[in-house]
Amino acid sequence: MASCVSTPPSVNKAWIYREHGETAHVLKFETNVAVPQIKEDQVLIKVVAAALNPIDAKRVLGVFRATDTAPPIVPGYDVAGVVVKLGSKASKFNIGDEVYGDINEEGSINLKKFGTLAEYTAAEERLLALKPKNLSFVEAASLPAAIETAYEGLKRVGLSAGQSILVLGGAGGCGTHVIQLAKHVFGASRVAATASTKKLDLLRSLGADLAIDYTRENVEDLPEKFDVVYDAVGQSDKAVKAVKEGGRVVTLIGPITPPASMFVLTSTGSILEKLKPYLESGKVKPVIDPTGPYPFSKTIDAFTYLQTSRATGKVVVYPIP
């Protein structure tokens, strides 16, 4: 990676959109985009890999217009790369450090105009963590938004050791981590999760005690009820019927059926630091969709696939030039 720590250029290759719409129509590859200027608490990162999230596609569509900055915008939340420049008050990392993180701190507000689908991007150092040495850049890039969301949701519902949990959407980017964190970090005694028929073995390999084929079974009709239900697919109406009396339901996508609650992630590198031992030991593993990683030149193809909602784990773009 020696080439990544040389003096950064003044211009960037990046994917950028200048109006809202479908990614295939408005997202364009440009080779003369200015490298972002870093603030005093930021670092400049030479991007090696970036992951896509459903929120990226929603942002391009203009779903967050009310709280978003105006185009032109370089999309992208998740990044793994190498620090090449430090802000005047940045002291957490050194030039040459391999880092990863979700660079948009508040989910859908105060979004960065310059995201991660570029050669270089800037991020506050508090949002980043050192990349676990056993993970590739592709694996690291797949983690931040998904694993932080999984962790934060489990904290919010207070999952504790010995409790049971049902995960709706267990094979998706977030769901694959909810299963693993519930089992190996929070100490759940029983983990159930839903997926389509061909993904049931994956759920079991991640730690699910009960893998439910949602094409054949309705979770709301299960005789077993759960202490916690984590809805990663927007089915809180079903989730609340699968929880025990007095249990707790968290959902990521509205509309919300009470008593389910919804939250928006506040990104922080501290969660990644807390989970580092589990990642380095292999107890918690990245899950990369087998169609990828996608070359940087095929970023639109990656978005198109992401928007089918059939991805297993995360869709990653690599290598960034």
C-alpha atoms as a PDB file:
ATOM      1  CA  MET A   1       0.000   0.000   0.000  1.00  0.00           C
ATOM      2  CA  ALA A   2       3.000   2.313  -0.202  1.00  0.00           C
ATOM      3  CA  SER A   3       1.529   4.137  -3.194  1.00  0.00           C
ATOM      4  CA  CYS A   4      -1.495   5.071  -1.099  1.00  0.00           C
ATOM      5  CA  VAL A   5       0.460   7.224   1.334  1.00  0.00           C
ATOM      6  CA  SER A   6       2.089   9.552  -1.169  1.00  0.00           C
ATOM      7  CA  THR A   7       0.975  13.175  -1.468  1.00  0.00           C
ATOM      8  CA  PRO A   8      -2.646  13.122  -2.651  1.00  0.00           C
ATOM      9  CA  PRO A   9      -3.494  14.767  -5.958  1.00  0.00           C
ATOM     10  CA  SER A  10      -5.800  17.758  -6.246  1.00  0.00           C
ATOM     11  CA  VAL A  11      -8.377  15.950  -8.385  1.00  0.00           C
ATOM     12  CA  ASN A  12     -10.363  12.794  -7.874  1.00  0.00           C
ATOM     13  CA  LYS A  13     -12.104  10.109  -9.868  1.00  0.00           C
ATOM     14  CA  ALA A  14     -15.593   9.791  -8.414  1.00  0.00           C
ATOM     15  CA  TRP A  15     -19.190   8.794  -9.025  1.00  0.00           C
ATOM     16  CA  ILE A  16     -21.363  11.885  -8.745  1.00  0.00           C
ATOM     17  CA  TYR A  17     -24.963  12.917  -9.343  1.00  0.00           C
ATOM     18  CA  ARG A  18     -26.072  16.430 -10.210  1.00  0.00           C
ATOM     19  CA  GLU A  19     -29.820  15.808  -9.986  1.00  0.00           C
ATOM     20  CA  HIS A  20     -32.031  13.333  -8.152  1.00  0.00           C
ATOM     21  CA  GLY A  21     -33.372  10.234  -9.875  1.00  0.00           C
ATOM     22  CA  GLU A  22     -32.696   6.561 -10.533  1.00  0.00           C
ATOM     23  CA  THR A  23     -29.009   5.739 -10.088  1.00  0.00           C
ATOM     24  CA  ALA A  24     -28.789   4.251 -13.582  1.00  0.00           C
ATOM     25  CA  HIS A  25     -29.905   7.594 -15.051  1.00  0.00           C
ATOM     26  CA  VAL A  26     -28.251  10.251 -12.876  1.00  0.00           C
ATOM     27  CA  LEU A  27     -25.094   8.720 -11.385  1.00  0.00           C
ATOM     28  CA  LYS A  28     -22.094   9.570 -13.578  1.00  0.00           C
ATOM     29  CA  PHE A  29     -18.390   8.727 -13.458  1.00  0.00           C
ATOM     30  CA  GLU A  30     -16.184  11.828 -13.519  1.00  0.00           C
ATOM     31  CA  THR A  31     -12.402  12.086 -13.574  1.00  0.00           C
ATOM     32  CA  ASN A  32     -11.891  15.718 -12.601  1.00  0.00           C
ATOM     33  CA  VAL A  33     -13.609  16.061  -9.222  1.00  0.00           C
ATOM     34  CA  ALA A  34     -11.774  18.143  -6.620  1.00  0.00           C
ATOM     35  CA  VAL A  35     -10.340  16.228  -3.667  1.00  0.00           C
ATOM     36  CA  PRO A  36     -12.223  17.411  -0.557  1.00  0.00           C
ATOM     37  CA  GLN A  37     -10.491  19.836   1.780  1.00  0.00           C
ATOM     38  CA  ILE A  38     -10.235  18.392   5.276  1.00  0.00           C
ATOM     39  CA  LYS A  39     -11.397  20.204   8.420  1.00  0.00           C
ATOM     40  CA  GLU A  40      -9.288  20.307  11.566  1.00  0.00           C
ATOM     41  CA  ASP A  41     -10.924  17.193  13.069  1.00  0.00           C
ATOM     42  CA  GLN A  42     -10.891  15.184   9.821  1.00  0.00           C
ATOM     43  CA  VAL A  43      -8.513  12.912   7.943  1.00  0.00           C
ATOM     44  CA  LEU A  44      -8.202  12.403   4.206  1.00  0.00           C
ATOM     45  CA  ILE A  45      -8.567   8.763   3.165  1.00  0.00           C
ATOM     46  CA  LYS A  46      -7.299   7.042   0.034  1.00  0.00           C
ATOM     47  CA  VAL A  47     -10.320   4.835  -0.559  1.00  0.00           C
ATOM     48  CA  VAL A  48      -9.540   1.178  -1.278  1.00  0.00           C
ATOM     49  CA  ALA A  49     -13.069  -0.280  -0.988  1.00  0.00           C
ATOM     50  CA  ALA A  50     -16.574   1.048  -0.385  1.00  0.00           C
ATOM     51  CA  ALA A  51     -19.847  -0.715   0.387  1.00  0.00           C
ATOM     52  CA  LEU A  52     -23.332   0.236  -0.764  1.00  0.00           C
ATOM     53  CA  ASN A  53     -26.346   0.549   1.510  1.00  0.00           C
ATOM     54  CA  PRO A  54     -30.042   0.877   0.652  1.00  0.00           C
ATOM     55  CA  ILE A  55     -29.908   4.399   2.093  1.00  0.00           C
ATOM     56  CA  ASP A  56     -27.390   5.339  -0.636  1.00  0.00           C
ATOM     57  CA  ALA A  57     -29.930   4.566  -3.364  1.00  0.00           C
ATOM     58  CA  LYS A  58     -32.690   6.393  -1.464  1.00  0.00           C
ATOM     59  CA  ARG A  59     -30.481   9.440  -1.196  1.00  0.00           C
ATOM     60  CA  VAL A  60     -29.828   9.514  -4.944  1.00  0.00           C
ATOM     61  CA  LEU A  61     -33.592   9.288  -5.486  1.00  0.00           C
ATOM     62  CA  GLY A  62     -34.049  12.374  -3.318  1.00  0.00           C
ATOM     63  CA  VAL A  63     -35.855  10.748  -0.397  1.00  0.00           C
ATOM     64  CA  PHE A  64     -33.885  12.929   2.047  1.00  0.00           C
ATOM     65  CA  ARG A  65     -34.179  16.229   0.142  1.00  0.00           C
ATOM     66  CA  ALA A  66     -35.555  18.018   3.192  1.00  0.00           C
ATOM     67  CA  THR A  67     -32.449  17.360   5.293  1.00  0.00           C
ATOM     68  CA  ASP A  68     -29.831  16.734   2.586  1.00  0.00           C
ATOM     69  CA  THR A  69     -27.346  19.032   0.943  1.00  0.00           C
ATOM     70  CA  ALA A  70     -28.096  19.979  -2.667  1.00  0.00           C
ATOM     71  CA  PRO A  71     -26.384  18.162  -5.571  1.00  0.00           C
ATOM     72  CA  PRO A  72     -23.779  17.716  -6.920  1.00  0.00           C
ATOM     73  CA  ILE A  73     -23.138  14.865  -4.470  1.00  0.00           C
ATOM     74  CA  VAL A  74     -20.726  11.947  -4.326  1.00  0.00           C
ATOM     75  CA  PRO A  75     -22.720   9.162  -2.585  1.00  0.00           C
ATOM     76  CA  GLY A  76     -21.460   6.514  -0.193  1.00  0.00           C
ATOM     77  CA  TYR A  77     -21.410   5.895   3.564  1.00  0.00           C
ATOM     78  CA  ASP A  78     -19.028   2.961   4.105  1.00  0.00           C
ATOM     79  CA  VAL A  79     -15.299   3.138   3.490  1.00  0.00           C
ATOM     80  CA  ALA A  80     -12.088   1.204   4.048  1.00  0.00           C
ATOM     81  CA  GLY A  81      -8.811   2.810   3.091  1.00  0.00           C
ATOM     82  CA  VAL A  82      -5.554   4.447   4.093  1.00  0.00           C
ATOM     83  CA  VAL A  83      -5.054   7.764   5.910  1.00  0.00           C
ATOM     84  CA  VAL A  84      -3.019  10.124   3.690  1.00  0.00           C
ATOM     85  CA  LYS A  85      -3.505  13.501   5.398  1.00  0.00           C
ATOM     86  CA  LEU A  86      -4.374  14.733   8.896  1.00  0.00           C
ATOM     87  CA  GLY A  87      -6.397  17.748   9.998  1.00  0.00           C
ATOM     88  CA  SER A  88      -4.667  20.187  12.353  1.00  0.00           C
ATOM     89  CA  LYS A  89      -6.419  18.715  15.424  1.00  0.00           C
ATOM     90  CA  ALA A  90      -6.580  15.083  14.278  1.00  0.00           C
ATOM     91  CA  SER A  91      -4.535  12.910  16.640  1.00  0.00           C
ATOM     92  CA  LYS A  92      -6.227   9.503  16.641  1.00  0.00           C
ATOM     93  CA  PHE A  93      -4.479   8.147  13.536  1.00  0.00           C
ATOM     94  CA  ASN A  94      -1.171   8.400  11.728  1.00  0.00           C
ATOM     95  CA  ILE A  95      -0.538   8.782   8.017  1.00  0.00           C
ATOM     96  CA  GLY A  96      -0.462   5.284   6.556  1.00  0.00           C
ATOM     97  CA  ASP A  97      -2.972   3.800   9.021  1.00  0.00           C
ATOM     98  CA  GLU A  98      -5.557   1.449   7.522  1.00  0.00           C
ATOM     99  CA  VAL A  99      -8.995   2.575   8.691  1.00  0.00           C
ATOM    100  CA  TYR A 100     -12.681   1.963   8.113  1.00  0.00           C
ATOM    101  CA  GLY A 101     -15.984   3.530   9.080  1.00  0.00           C
ATOM    102  CA  ASP A 102     -19.365   4.999   8.167  1.00  0.00           C
ATOM    103  CA  ILE A 103     -18.578   8.636   7.357  1.00  0.00           C
ATOM    104  CA  ASN A 104     -22.164   9.985   7.659  1.00  0.00           C
ATOM    105  CA  GLU A 105     -22.662  10.525  11.361  1.00  0.00           C
ATOM    106  CA  GLU A 106     -26.398  11.125  11.602  1.00  0.00           C
ATOM    107  CA  GLY A 107     -27.924   8.685   9.150  1.00  0.00           C
ATOM    108  CA  SER A 108     -30.174  10.874   7.018  1.00  0.00           C
ATOM    109  CA  ILE A 109     -29.393  14.425   8.183  1.00  0.00           C
ATOM    110  CA  ASN A 110     -26.290  16.582   7.820  1.00  0.00           C
ATOM    111  CA  LEU A 111     -25.150  14.218   5.082  1.00  0.00           C
ATOM    112  CA  LYS A 112     -21.759  14.703   3.522  1.00  0.00           C
ATOM    113  CA  LYS A 113     -21.630  16.244   0.080  1.00  0.00           C
ATOM    114  CA  PHE A 114     -18.582  14.091  -0.617  1.00  0.00           C
ATOM    115  CA  GLY A 115     -19.096  10.394   0.129  1.00  0.00           C
ATOM    116  CA  THR A 116     -17.030   7.255  -0.305  1.00  0.00           C
ATOM    117  CA  LEU A 117     -17.476   6.366  -3.995  1.00  0.00           C
ATOM    118  CA  ALA A 118     -14.316   8.217  -4.934  1.00  0.00           C
ATOM    119  CA  GLU A 119     -10.542   7.832  -4.899  1.00  0.00           C
ATOM    120  CA  TYR A 120     -10.245  10.121  -1.881  1.00  0.00           C
ATOM    121  CA  THR A 121     -12.733  11.147   0.778  1.00  0.00           C
ATOM    122  CA  ALA A 122     -12.677  13.046   4.082  1.00  0.00           C
ATOM    123  CA  ALA A 123     -14.080  11.920   7.432  1.00  0.00           C
ATOM    124  CA  GLU A 124     -14.076  13.003  11.056  1.00  0.00           C
ATOM    125  CA  GLU A 125     -11.628  10.770  12.859  1.00  0.00           C
ATOM    126  CA  ARG A 126     -14.220   9.953  15.563  1.00  0.00           C
ATOM    127  CA  LEU A 127     -16.227   8.054  12.949  1.00  0.00           C
ATOM    128  CA  LEU A 128     -13.323   5.783  12.044  1.00  0.00           C
ATOM    129  CA  ALA A 129     -11.462   2.854  13.580  1.00  0.00           C
ATOM    130  CA  LEU A 130      -8.314   0.952  12.718  1.00  0.00           C
ATOM    131  CA  LYS A 131      -9.057  -1.891  10.320  1.00  0.00           C
ATOM    132  CA  PRO A 132      -8.727  -5.299  11.995  1.00  0.00           C
ATOM    133  CA  LYS A 133      -5.541  -6.819  10.611  1.00  0.00           C
ATOM    134  CA  ASN A 134      -7.203 -10.118   9.725  1.00  0.00           C
ATOM    135  CA  LEU A 135      -9.768  -8.439   7.459  1.00  0.00           C
ATOM    136  CA  SER A 136      -9.257  -7.409   3.845  1.00  0.00           C
ATOM    137  CA  PHE A 137     -10.277  -3.927   2.743  1.00  0.00           C
ATOM    138  CA  VAL A 138     -13.319  -5.460   1.035  1.00  0.00           C
ATOM    139  CA  GLU A 139     -14.379  -7.207   4.245  1.00  0.00           C
ATOM    140  CA  ALA A 140     -13.789  -4.103   6.343  1.00  0.00           C
ATOM    141  CA  ALA A 141     -15.721  -1.844   3.957  1.00  0.00           C
ATOM    142  CA  SER A 142     -18.734  -4.149   4.220  1.00  0.00           C
ATOM    143  CA  LEU A 143     -19.069  -3.687   7.966  1.00  0.00           C
ATOM    144  CA  PRO A 144     -19.523  -0.174   9.361  1.00  0.00           C
ATOM    145  CA  ALA A 145     -23.120   0.939   8.717  1.00  0.00           C
ATOM    146  CA  ALA A 146     -24.533  -2.597   8.943  1.00  0.00           C
ATOM    147  CA  ILE A 147     -22.732  -3.786  12.059  1.00  0.00           C
ATOM    148  CA  GLU A 148     -23.165  -0.460  13.867  1.00  0.00           C
ATOM    149  CA  THR A 149     -26.900  -0.518  13.086  1.00  0.00           C
ATOM    150  CA  ALA A 150     -27.163  -4.118  14.299  1.00  0.00           C
ATOM    151  CA  TYR A 151     -25.343  -3.290  17.528  1.00  0.00           C
ATOM    152  CA  GLU A 152     -27.239  -0.076  18.231  1.00  0.00           C
ATOM    153  CA  GLY A 153     -30.601  -1.762  17.670  1.00  0.00           C
ATOM    154  CA  LEU A 154     -29.757  -4.598  20.064  1.00  0.00           C
ATOM    155  CA  LYS A 155     -28.631  -2.079  22.680  1.00  0.00           C
ATOM    156  CA  ARG A 156     -31.831  -0.063  22.305  1.00  0.00           C
ATOM    157  CA  VAL A 157     -34.079  -3.060  22.920  1.00  0.00           C
ATOM    158  CA  GLY A 158     -31.881  -4.198  25.805  1.00  0.00           C
ATOM    159  CA  LEU A 159     -31.201  -7.725  24.602  1.00  0.00           C
ATOM    160  CA  SER A 160     -29.520  -9.547  27.469  1.00  0.00           C
ATOM    161  CA  ALA A 161     -27.889 -12.913  28.023  1.00  0.00           C
ATOM    162  CA  GLY A 162     -30.324 -15.817  28.120  1.00  0.00           C
ATOM    163  CA  GLN A 163     -33.061 -14.107  26.101  1.00  0.00           C
ATOM    164  CA  SER A 164     -34.501 -15.181  22.761  1.00  0.00           C
ATOM    165  CA  ILE A 165     -34.577 -13.100  19.585  1.00  0.00           C
ATOM    166  CA  LEU A 166     -36.190 -13.313  16.153  1.00  0.00           C
ATOM    167  CA  VAL A 167     -34.479 -11.516  13.268  1.00  0.00           C
ATOM    168  CA  LEU A 168     -36.624 -10.628  10.249  1.00  0.00           C
ATOM    169  CA  GLY A 169     -34.352 -10.418   7.206  1.00  0.00           C
ATOM    170  CA  GLY A 170     -31.487 -12.477   8.594  1.00  0.00           C
ATOM    171  CA  ALA A 171     -29.562 -12.775   5.317  1.00  0.00           C
ATOM    172  CA  GLY A 172     -29.380  -9.048   4.563  1.00  0.00           C
ATOM    173  CA  GLY A 173     -26.569  -6.610   5.276  1.00  0.00           C
ATOM    174  CA  CYS A 174     -27.788  -5.752   8.772  1.00  0.00           C
ATOM    175  CA  GLY A 175     -29.521  -9.021   9.602  1.00  0.00           C
ATOM    176  CA  THR A 176     -26.401 -11.146   9.161  1.00  0.00           C
ATOM    177  CA  HIS A 177     -24.774  -9.077  11.903  1.00  0.00           C
ATOM    178  CA  VAL A 178     -27.811  -9.023  14.194  1.00  0.00           C
ATOM    179  CA  ILE A 179     -27.667 -12.828  14.286  1.00  0.00           C
ATOM    180  CA  GLN A 180     -23.947 -12.910  15.053  1.00  0.00           C
ATOM    181  CA  LEU A 181     -23.953 -10.109  17.622  1.00  0.00           C
ATOM    182  CA  ALA A 182     -27.037 -11.477  19.391  1.00  0.00           C
ATOM    183  CA  LYS A 183     -25.364 -14.876  19.733  1.00  0.00           C
ATOM    184  CA  HIS A 184     -21.722 -14.042  20.354  1.00  0.00           C
ATOM    185  CA  VAL A 185     -21.744 -10.551  21.900  1.00  0.00           C
ATOM    186  CA  PHE A 186     -25.084 -10.214  23.718  1.00  0.00           C
ATOM    187  CA  GLY A 187     -25.371 -13.867  24.751  1.00  0.00           C
ATOM    188  CA  ALA A 188     -28.844 -14.684  23.421  1.00  0.00           C
ATOM    189  CA  SER A 189     -29.907 -18.211  24.359  1.00  0.00           C
ATOM    190  CA  ARG A 190     -31.949 -18.719  21.210  1.00  0.00           C
ATOM    191  CA  VAL A 191     -31.682 -16.939  17.875  1.00  0.00           C
ATOM    192  CA  ALA A 192     -34.283 -17.397  15.138  1.00  0.00           C
ATOM    193  CA  ALA A 193     -34.098 -15.681  11.765  1.00  0.00           C
ATOM    194  CA  THR A 194     -35.961 -15.521   8.470  1.00  0.00           C
ATOM    195  CA  ALA A 195     -34.665 -15.815   4.905  1.00  0.00           C
ATOM    196  CA  SER A 196     -35.616 -17.378   1.581  1.00  0.00           C
ATOM    197  CA  THR A 197     -35.147 -21.116   1.063  1.00  0.00           C
ATOM    198  CA  LYS A 198     -31.654 -21.056  -0.429  1.00  0.00           C
ATOM    199  CA  LYS A 199     -30.254 -18.825   2.357  1.00  0.00           C
ATOM    200  CA  LEU A 200     -31.282 -20.939   5.361  1.00  0.00           C
ATOM    201  CA  ASP A 201     -27.897 -22.662   5.616  1.00  0.00           C
ATOM    202  CA  LEU A 202     -26.241 -19.245   5.780  1.00  0.00           C
ATOM    203  CA  LEU A 203     -28.421 -18.313   8.767  1.00  0.00           C
ATOM    204  CA  ARG A 204     -27.390 -21.489  10.569  1.00  0.00           C
ATOM    205  CA  SER A 205     -23.714 -20.881   9.806  1.00  0.00           C
ATOM    206  CA  LEU A 206     -23.984 -17.435  11.405  1.00  0.00           C
ATOM    207  CA  GLY A 207     -25.409 -18.846  14.625  1.00  0.00           C
ATOM    208  CA  ALA A 208     -29.177 -19.070  14.117  1.00  0.00           C
ATOM    209  CA  ASP A 209     -30.723 -21.896  16.136  1.00  0.00           C
ATOM    210  CA  LEU A 210     -33.892 -21.726  14.067  1.00  0.00           C
ATOM    211  CA  ALA A 211     -33.817 -20.797  10.359  1.00  0.00           C
ATOM    212  CA  ILE A 212     -37.276 -19.892   9.067  1.00  0.00           C
ATOM    213  CA  ASP A 213     -38.185 -19.972   5.390  1.00  0.00           C
ATOM    214  CA  TYR A 214     -40.423 -16.932   5.000  1.00  0.00           C
ATOM    215  CA  THR A 215     -41.716 -18.264   1.666  1.00  0.00           C
ATOM    216  CA  ARG A 216     -43.282 -21.200   3.518  1.00  0.00           C
ATOM    217  CA  GLU A 217     -43.949 -20.011   7.057  1.00  0.00           C
ATOM    218  CA  ASN A 218     -45.548 -16.914   8.538  1.00  0.00           C
ATOM    219  CA  VAL A 219     -43.647 -15.714  11.592  1.00  0.00           C
ATOM    220  CA  GLU A 220     -46.796 -14.301  13.132  1.00  0.00           C
ATOM    221  CA  ASP A 221     -48.267 -17.833  13.187  1.00  0.00           C
ATOM    222  CA  LEU A 222     -45.315 -19.455  14.985  1.00  0.00           C
ATOM    223  CA  PRO A 223     -46.320 -21.052  18.320  1.00  0.00           C
ATOM    224  CA  GLU A 224     -43.037 -19.790  19.785  1.00  0.00           C
ATOM    225  CA  LYS A 225     -42.829 -16.143  20.813  1.00  0.00           C
ATOM    226  CA  PHE A 226     -39.631 -14.179  21.427  1.00  0.00           C
ATOM    227  CA  ASP A 227     -38.262 -11.741  24.004  1.00  0.00           C
ATOM    228  CA  VAL A 228     -36.984  -9.472  21.237  1.00  0.00           C
ATOM    229  CA  VAL A 229     -37.801  -9.113  17.546  1.00  0.00           C
ATOM    230  CA  TYR A 230     -35.382  -7.205  15.306  1.00  0.00           C
ATOM    231  CA  ASP A 231     -37.137  -6.220  12.079  1.00  0.00           C
ATOM    232  CA  ALA A 232     -34.586  -5.390   9.387  1.00  0.00           C
ATOM    233  CA  VAL A 233     -37.036  -5.520   6.466  1.00  0.00           C
ATOM    234  CA  GLY A 234     -39.949  -3.237   7.363  1.00  0.00           C
ATOM    235  CA  GLN A 235     -42.496  -5.761   8.634  1.00  0.00           C
ATOM    236  CA  SER A 236     -43.231  -4.436  12.084  1.00  0.00           C
ATOM    237  CA  ASP A 237     -46.883  -5.475  11.695  1.00  0.00           C
ATOM    238  CA  LYS A 238     -45.696  -9.103  11.648  1.00  0.00           C
ATOM    239  CA  ALA A 239     -42.939  -8.529  14.186  1.00  0.00           C
ATOM    240  CA  VAL A 240     -45.287  -7.362  16.947  1.00  0.00           C
ATOM    241  CA  LYS A 241     -47.286 -10.600  16.574  1.00  0.00           C
ATOM    242  CA  ALA A 242     -44.166 -12.710  17.127  1.00  0.00           C
ATOM    243  CA  VAL A 243     -42.996 -11.050  20.354  1.00  0.00           C
ATOM    244  CA  LYS A 244     -43.821 -12.190  23.872  1.00  0.00           C
ATOM    245  CA  GLU A 245     -46.133 -10.168  26.072  1.00  0.00           C
ATOM    246  CA  GLY A 246     -43.962  -7.361  27.399  1.00  0.00           C
ATOM    247  CA  GLY A 247     -41.243  -8.077  24.837  1.00  0.00           C
ATOM    248  CA  ARG A 248     -39.562  -5.497  22.643  1.00  0.00           C
ATOM    249  CA  VAL A 249     -39.534  -4.867  18.899  1.00  0.00           C
ATOM    250  CA  VAL A 250     -37.128  -2.665  16.955  1.00  0.00           C
ATOM    251  CA  THR A 251     -37.543  -1.898  13.264  1.00  0.00           C
ATOM    252  CA  LEU A 252     -35.367  -0.137  10.709  1.00  0.00           C
ATOM    253  CA  ILE A 253     -38.033   0.715   8.146  1.00  0.00           C
ATOM    254  CA  GLY A 254     -41.471   2.305   8.584  1.00  0.00           C
ATOM    255  CA  PRO A 255     -44.391   2.339   8.851  1.00  0.00           C
ATOM    256  CA  ILE A 256     -44.236   1.379  12.520  1.00  0.00           C
ATOM    257  CA  THR A 257     -46.793  -0.795  14.279  1.00  0.00           C
ATOM    258  CA  PRO A 258     -46.808  -0.169  18.069  1.00  0.00           C
ATOM    259  CA  PRO A 259     -45.200  -1.238  20.320  1.00  0.00           C
ATOM    260  CA  ALA A 260     -42.359  -1.432  17.775  1.00  0.00           C
ATOM    261  CA  SER A 261     -39.866   1.427  17.827  1.00  0.00           C
ATOM    262  CA  MET A 262     -37.604   2.746  15.085  1.00  0.00           C
ATOM    263  CA  PHE A 263     -34.228   4.458  15.254  1.00  0.00           C
ATOM    264  CA  VAL A 264     -31.701   6.049  12.936  1.00  0.00           C
ATOM    265  CA  LEU A 265     -28.070   5.137  13.521  1.00  0.00           C
ATOM    266  CA  THR A 266     -25.623   7.655  14.923  1.00  0.00           C
ATOM    267  CA  SER A 267     -22.322   6.463  13.476  1.00  0.00           C
ATOM    268  CA  THR A 268     -19.274   6.216  15.721  1.00  0.00           C
ATOM    269  CA  GLY A 269     -15.918   4.519  15.479  1.00  0.00           C
ATOM    270  CA  SER A 270     -16.226   3.471  19.128  1.00  0.00           C
ATOM    271  CA  ILE A 271     -18.661   0.680  18.215  1.00  0.00           C
ATOM    272  CA  LEU A 272     -16.181  -0.699  15.697  1.00  0.00           C
ATOM    273  CA  GLU A 273     -13.452  -0.516  18.340  1.00  0.00           C
ATOM    274  CA  LYS A 274     -15.655  -2.343  20.844  1.00  0.00           C
ATOM    275  CA  LEU A 275     -16.360  -5.125  18.353  1.00  0.00           C
ATOM    276  CA  LYS A 276     -12.748  -5.464  17.187  1.00  0.00           C
ATOM    277  CA  PRO A 277     -11.957  -8.476  19.421  1.00  0.00           C
ATOM    278  CA  TYR A 278     -14.940 -10.385  18.017  1.00  0.00           C
ATOM    279  CA  LEU A 279     -13.915  -9.563  14.451  1.00  0.00           C
ATOM    280  CA  GLU A 280     -10.268 -10.459  15.008  1.00  0.00           C
ATOM    281  CA  SER A 281     -11.172 -13.747  16.671  1.00  0.00           C
ATOM    282  CA  GLY A 282     -13.501 -14.662  13.807  1.00  0.00           C
ATOM    283  CA  LYS A 283     -16.544 -14.992  16.083  1.00  0.00           C
ATOM    284  CA  VAL A 284     -18.183 -12.215  14.044  1.00  0.00           C
ATOM    285  CA  LYS A 285     -17.553 -12.353  10.306  1.00  0.00           C
ATOM    286  CA  PRO A 286     -18.249 -10.075   7.341  1.00  0.00           C
ATOM    287  CA  VAL A 287     -20.728 -11.430   4.805  1.00  0.00           C
ATOM    288  CA  ILE A 288     -20.086 -10.309   1.216  1.00  0.00           C
ATOM    289  CA  ASP A 289     -22.614 -10.928  -1.528  1.00  0.00           C
ATOM    290  CA  PRO A 290     -21.161 -13.552  -3.900  1.00  0.00           C
ATOM    291  CA  THR A 291     -21.900 -11.424  -6.997  1.00  0.00           C
ATOM    292  CA  GLY A 292     -19.178  -9.028  -5.885  1.00  0.00           C
ATOM    293  CA  PRO A 293     -17.026  -7.262  -5.198  1.00  0.00           C
ATOM    294  CA  TYR A 294     -17.919  -5.027  -8.125  1.00  0.00           C
ATOM    295  CA  PRO A 295     -15.200  -3.082  -9.963  1.00  0.00           C
ATOM    296  CA  PHE A 296     -15.365   0.684  -9.482  1.00  0.00           C
ATOM    297  CA  SER A 297     -16.301   1.018 -13.158  1.00  0.00           C
ATOM    298  CA  LYS A 298     -19.373  -1.184 -12.503  1.00  0.00           C
ATOM    299  CA  THR A 299     -20.763   0.854  -9.608  1.00  0.00           C
ATOM    300  CA  ILE A 300     -24.104   1.359 -11.364  1.00  0.00           C
ATOM    301  CA  ASP A 301     -24.417  -2.422 -11.795  1.00  0.00           C
ATOM    302  CA  ALA A 302     -23.766  -2.752  -8.064  1.00  0.00           C
ATOM    303  CA  PHE A 303     -26.564  -0.270  -7.304  1.00  0.00           C
ATOM    304  CA  THR A 304     -28.935  -2.030  -9.705  1.00  0.00           C
ATOM    305  CA  TYR A 305     -28.324  -5.337  -7.945  1.00  0.00           C
ATOM    306  CA  LEU A 306     -28.632  -3.776  -4.489  1.00  0.00           C
ATOM    307  CA  GLN A 307     -32.045  -2.394  -5.422  1.00  0.00           C
ATOM    308  CA  THR A 308     -33.385  -5.879  -6.234  1.00  0.00           C
ATOM    309  CA  SER A 309     -33.371  -6.483  -2.436  1.00  0.00           C
ATOM    310  CA  ARG A 310     -31.945  -9.942  -3.102  1.00  0.00           C
ATOM    311  CA  ALA A 311     -28.406  -9.287  -1.867  1.00  0.00           C
ATOM    312  CA  THR A 312     -26.879 -11.661   0.659  1.00  0.00           C
ATOM    313  CA  GLY A 313     -24.860  -9.641   3.142  1.00  0.00           C
ATOM    314  CA  LYS A 314     -23.222  -6.571   1.653  1.00  0.00           C
ATOM    315  CA  VAL A 315     -22.548  -5.282  -1.882  1.00  0.00           C
ATOM    316  CA  VAL A 316     -18.987  -3.967  -2.094  1.00  0.00           C
ATOM    317  CA  VAL A 317     -17.162  -1.897  -4.732  1.00  0.00           C
ATOM    318  CA  TYR A 318     -13.428  -2.688  -5.097  1.00  0.00           C
ATOM    319  CA  PRO A 319     -10.811  -1.714  -5.977  1.00  0.00           C
ATOM    320  CA  ILE A 320     -11.191   2.040  -6.008  1.00  0.00           C
ATOM    321  CA  PRO A 321      -8.465   3.298  -8.439  1.00  0.00           C
END
